[in-house]
């Protein structure tokens, strides 16, 4: 099977690429969209981009999905909303603790080679939850202060 599927030949869907199969791997759908764009296939295939945006909006974004979307859509982030939706979803799921600690670490590790992606997610978290970072910093400072106090108390009790 070629990366670009065969055109449908029914009168109602003439010229539409077949990509909306739920069993198709997400990375392959993104590759089909990119191939259609690079090859300048006419007519345009907005249903493919719509499928990608819908998938990102309704599913937990994995590190592989994040990188595929970043590599394909980063240069077109101003005109195609798939990259912006992916950044928003990752930021939302991270900020609302929907990812497990291991999943969050995997995402951050995968994004590390792409500082523009890390910055975009951080900015989006700050936009969505402006006080969340400040609250996290205050909480970390309070925990550090409590640890220092407990260490001091423990030291005082050992001296007596």
Protein backbone atom coordinates (compact mmCIF):
# COMPACT_ATOMS: atom_id res chain seq x y z
CA UNK A 1 0.00 0.00 0.00
CA UNK A 2 1.43 3.34 -0.98
CA UNK A 3 1.64 6.15 1.55
CA UNK A 4 -1.05 8.03 -0.35
CA UNK A 5 -4.14 5.85 -0.58
CA UNK A 6 -6.17 5.38 -3.73
CA UNK A 7 -8.83 7.99 -4.50
CA UNK A 8 -12.38 6.92 -3.85
CA UNK A 9 -14.35 6.44 -7.03
CA UNK A 10 -17.89 6.94 -5.74
CA UNK A 11 -19.70 9.98 -7.16
CA UNK A 12 -20.27 11.52 -3.71
CA UNK A 13 -16.65 11.28 -2.61
CA UNK A 14 -14.74 11.60 -5.85
CA UNK A 15 -11.24 12.89 -5.22
CA UNK A 16 -11.18 12.33 -1.46
CA UNK A 17 -8.26 10.42 -0.02
CA UNK A 18 -9.24 7.54 2.24
CA UNK A 19 -7.74 8.28 5.64
CA UNK A 20 -10.53 8.30 8.16
CA UNK A 21 -10.16 4.65 9.13
CA UNK A 22 -9.86 4.49 12.94
CA UNK A 23 -7.55 1.46 12.66
CA UNK A 24 -4.97 3.39 10.67
CA UNK A 25 -1.94 4.43 12.80
CA UNK A 26 -1.98 8.14 13.65
CA UNK A 27 1.57 8.64 12.33
CA UNK A 28 0.47 7.25 8.96
CA UNK A 29 -2.45 9.70 8.76
CA UNK A 30 -0.03 12.57 9.44
CA UNK A 31 2.30 11.19 6.75
CA UNK A 32 -0.60 11.03 4.27
CA UNK A 33 -1.46 14.65 5.05
CA UNK A 34 2.13 15.74 4.57
CA UNK A 35 2.45 13.76 1.34
CA UNK A 36 -0.75 15.33 -0.01
CA UNK A 37 0.61 18.76 0.89
CA UNK A 38 4.11 18.18 -0.51
CA UNK A 39 2.77 16.62 -3.71
CA UNK A 40 0.20 19.43 -3.95
CA UNK A 41 -2.62 16.97 -4.52
CA UNK A 42 -5.76 18.62 -5.83
CA UNK A 43 -8.42 18.99 -4.59
CA UNK A 44 -7.19 19.93 -1.13
CA UNK A 45 -7.85 17.37 1.58
CA UNK A 46 -9.15 19.32 4.60
CA UNK A 47 -10.79 16.21 6.06
CA UNK A 48 -7.33 14.78 6.76
CA UNK A 49 -6.28 17.82 8.79
CA UNK A 50 -9.68 17.72 10.49
CA UNK A 51 -9.14 14.08 11.40
CA UNK A 52 -5.71 14.93 12.87
CA UNK A 53 -7.10 17.82 14.92
CA UNK A 54 -10.01 15.68 16.12
CA UNK A 55 -7.69 12.85 17.10
CA UNK A 56 -5.45 15.22 19.06
CA UNK A 57 -8.44 16.84 20.75
CA UNK A 58 -10.02 13.59 21.93
CA UNK A 59 -7.08 11.33 22.74
CA UNK A 60 -4.19 11.46 25.15
CA UNK A 61 -1.18 12.68 23.16
CA UNK A 62 1.70 10.20 23.34
CA UNK A 63 5.36 11.19 22.93
CA UNK A 64 5.35 9.63 19.44
CA UNK A 65 2.20 11.53 18.42
CA UNK A 66 3.67 14.75 19.80
CA UNK A 67 6.91 14.40 17.83
CA UNK A 68 5.16 13.38 14.59
CA UNK A 69 2.87 16.41 14.76
CA UNK A 70 5.74 18.72 15.75
CA UNK A 71 7.96 17.60 12.89
CA UNK A 72 5.17 17.79 10.31
CA UNK A 73 3.33 20.96 11.35
CA UNK A 74 5.81 23.19 13.21
CA UNK A 75 6.76 25.17 10.10
CA UNK A 76 3.06 25.65 9.28
CA UNK A 77 1.89 26.41 12.83
CA UNK A 78 0.53 29.80 11.77
CA UNK A 79 -1.75 28.44 9.06
CA UNK A 80 -2.54 24.91 10.23
CA UNK A 81 -4.00 24.43 13.67
CA UNK A 82 -2.86 20.82 14.28
CA UNK A 83 0.40 21.93 15.95
CA UNK A 84 -1.38 24.50 18.13
CA UNK A 85 -4.01 21.95 19.18
CA UNK A 86 -1.29 19.45 20.08
CA UNK A 87 0.55 22.04 22.21
CA UNK A 88 -2.71 23.02 23.92
CA UNK A 89 -3.66 19.41 24.66
CA UNK A 90 -0.23 18.49 26.04
CA UNK A 91 -0.21 21.62 28.22
CA UNK A 92 -3.75 20.98 29.46
CA UNK A 93 -3.11 17.33 30.29
CA UNK A 94 0.18 18.18 32.03
CA UNK A 95 -1.26 21.09 34.01
CA UNK A 96 -4.32 19.14 35.15
CA UNK A 97 -2.23 16.06 36.07
CA UNK A 98 -3.99 13.76 33.60
CA UNK A 99 -0.67 12.16 32.71
CA UNK A 100 0.94 9.77 35.16
CA UNK A 101 4.36 10.80 36.42
CA UNK A 102 6.01 8.31 34.05
CA UNK A 103 4.01 9.57 31.05
CA UNK A 104 4.89 13.18 31.87
CA UNK A 105 8.58 12.29 32.13
CA UNK A 106 8.40 10.46 28.77
CA UNK A 107 6.79 13.52 27.14
CA UNK A 108 9.37 15.90 28.57
CA UNK A 109 12.23 13.60 27.58
CA UNK A 110 10.89 13.29 24.02
CA UNK A 111 10.46 17.07 23.73
CA UNK A 112 13.90 17.98 25.12
CA UNK A 113 15.67 18.01 21.69
CA UNK A 114 13.09 20.57 20.51
CA UNK A 115 13.39 23.66 22.74
CA UNK A 116 10.74 25.51 20.71
CA UNK A 117 8.25 22.76 21.60
CA UNK A 118 9.17 22.85 25.30
CA UNK A 119 8.85 26.66 25.33
CA UNK A 120 5.48 26.54 23.56
CA UNK A 121 4.07 24.02 26.05
CA UNK A 122 5.40 26.04 29.00
CA UNK A 123 3.88 29.25 27.60
CA UNK A 124 0.57 27.49 27.04
CA UNK A 125 0.54 26.21 30.63
CA UNK A 126 1.22 29.76 31.83
CA UNK A 127 -1.64 31.07 29.67
CA UNK A 128 -4.08 28.40 30.82
CA UNK A 129 -3.15 28.53 34.49
CA UNK A 130 -1.29 31.78 35.22
CA UNK A 131 -1.16 31.19 38.97
CA UNK A 132 -0.26 27.50 38.79
CA UNK A 133 3.49 28.05 38.37
CA UNK A 134 3.55 30.63 41.17
CA UNK A 135 1.61 28.25 43.42
CA UNK A 136 4.00 25.39 42.62
CA UNK A 137 7.01 27.59 43.43
CA UNK A 138 5.47 28.69 46.76
CA UNK A 139 4.63 25.08 47.61
CA UNK A 140 8.19 23.97 46.84
CA UNK A 141 9.58 26.80 49.00
CA UNK A 142 7.25 25.83 51.87
CA UNK A 143 8.32 22.18 51.61
CA UNK A 144 12.00 23.18 51.63
CA UNK A 145 11.40 25.39 54.66
CA UNK A 146 9.62 22.53 56.45
CA UNK A 147 12.48 20.12 55.69
CA UNK A 148 15.00 22.64 57.02
CA UNK A 149 12.92 23.11 60.18
CA UNK A 150 12.59 19.33 60.70
CA UNK A 151 16.34 18.88 60.20
CA UNK A 152 17.01 21.61 62.76
CA UNK A 153 14.56 20.04 65.25
CA UNK A 154 16.18 16.65 64.74
CA UNK A 155 19.62 18.18 65.30
CA UNK A 156 18.44 19.94 68.48
CA UNK A 157 16.91 16.72 69.86
CA UNK A 158 20.14 14.78 69.27
CA UNK A 159 22.18 17.42 71.15
CA UNK A 160 19.98 17.13 74.25
